[in-house]
């Protein structure tokens, strides 16, 4: 993970998180059952949730001019 953080920093990109290289993540996906749905309390599920929070926080802090969220008009 340290290498990923360094790579993000060197490319001026925010590091949002990382997942371990675990066979069960791949087999869960292959079986069509996301790891978070299969075992919501697992360490991997917590990592996915942390990454999702980081993505949401990053998007919410972006300027509207960047297009973080679409402008919706209801007529």
Protein backbone atom coordinates (compact mmCIF):
# COMPACT_ATOMS: atom_id res chain seq x y z
CA UNK A 1 0.00 0.00 0.00
CA UNK A 2 2.90 2.36 0.66
CA UNK A 3 3.88 2.14 -3.02
CA UNK A 4 0.32 3.01 -4.08
CA UNK A 5 0.32 6.02 -1.76
CA UNK A 6 3.65 7.19 -3.19
CA UNK A 7 2.39 6.70 -6.75
CA UNK A 8 -0.75 8.73 -6.00
CA UNK A 9 1.32 11.50 -4.41
CA UNK A 10 3.77 11.61 -7.30
CA UNK A 11 0.92 11.99 -9.80
CA UNK A 12 -0.87 14.56 -7.64
CA UNK A 13 -3.81 12.18 -7.16
CA UNK A 14 -5.67 11.50 -3.94
CA UNK A 15 -5.18 7.98 -2.55
CA UNK A 16 -8.66 6.62 -1.81
CA UNK A 17 -7.78 3.19 -0.46
CA UNK A 18 -6.59 -0.29 -1.31
CA UNK A 19 -7.77 -3.86 -1.14
CA UNK A 20 -5.62 -6.90 -0.41
CA UNK A 21 -4.88 -9.42 -3.15
CA UNK A 22 -7.10 -12.14 -1.74
CA UNK A 23 -8.49 -15.05 -3.70
CA UNK A 24 -11.84 -14.83 -1.90
CA UNK A 25 -12.47 -11.33 -3.34
CA UNK A 26 -12.05 -12.66 -6.86
CA UNK A 27 -14.12 -15.79 -6.26
CA UNK A 28 -16.91 -13.73 -4.67
CA UNK A 29 -17.03 -11.56 -7.79
CA UNK A 30 -16.90 -14.60 -10.08
CA UNK A 31 -19.84 -16.10 -8.18
CA UNK A 32 -21.81 -12.86 -8.46
CA UNK A 33 -21.86 -12.18 -4.73
CA UNK A 34 -20.04 -9.00 -3.68
CA UNK A 35 -17.78 -9.48 -0.67
CA UNK A 36 -19.71 -6.77 1.19
CA UNK A 37 -23.01 -8.64 0.68
CA UNK A 38 -21.49 -12.02 1.50
CA UNK A 39 -19.95 -10.95 4.81
CA UNK A 40 -20.79 -7.33 5.75
CA UNK A 41 -18.70 -7.46 8.93
CA UNK A 42 -15.50 -8.81 7.35
CA UNK A 43 -12.25 -6.88 7.15
CA UNK A 44 -12.54 -6.71 3.35
CA UNK A 45 -16.09 -5.29 3.63
CA UNK A 46 -14.84 -2.63 6.02
CA UNK A 47 -12.10 -1.75 3.52
CA UNK A 48 -14.64 -1.42 0.68
CA UNK A 49 -16.83 0.79 2.87
CA UNK A 50 -13.88 3.01 3.80
CA UNK A 51 -12.98 3.43 0.13
CA UNK A 52 -16.62 4.29 -0.66
CA UNK A 53 -16.63 6.92 2.10
CA UNK A 54 -13.39 8.39 0.74
CA UNK A 55 -14.84 8.56 -2.78
CA UNK A 56 -18.05 10.20 -1.52
CA UNK A 57 -16.14 12.71 0.59
CA UNK A 58 -13.80 13.58 -2.28
CA UNK A 59 -16.70 14.09 -4.68
CA UNK A 60 -18.65 16.20 -2.20
CA UNK A 61 -15.70 18.56 -1.78
CA UNK A 62 -15.18 19.13 -5.48
CA UNK A 63 -16.33 22.39 -6.98
CA UNK A 64 -19.57 22.25 -8.94
CA UNK A 65 -17.66 23.67 -11.89
CA UNK A 66 -15.66 20.42 -12.03
CA UNK A 67 -18.89 18.48 -12.32
CA UNK A 68 -18.79 16.46 -9.13
CA UNK A 69 -22.54 16.13 -9.24
CA UNK A 70 -24.86 16.61 -12.19
CA UNK A 71 -27.17 19.60 -12.28
CA UNK A 72 -30.75 18.33 -12.25
CA UNK A 73 -33.59 20.59 -13.37
CA UNK A 74 -37.19 19.59 -12.81
CA UNK A 75 -39.75 21.46 -14.87
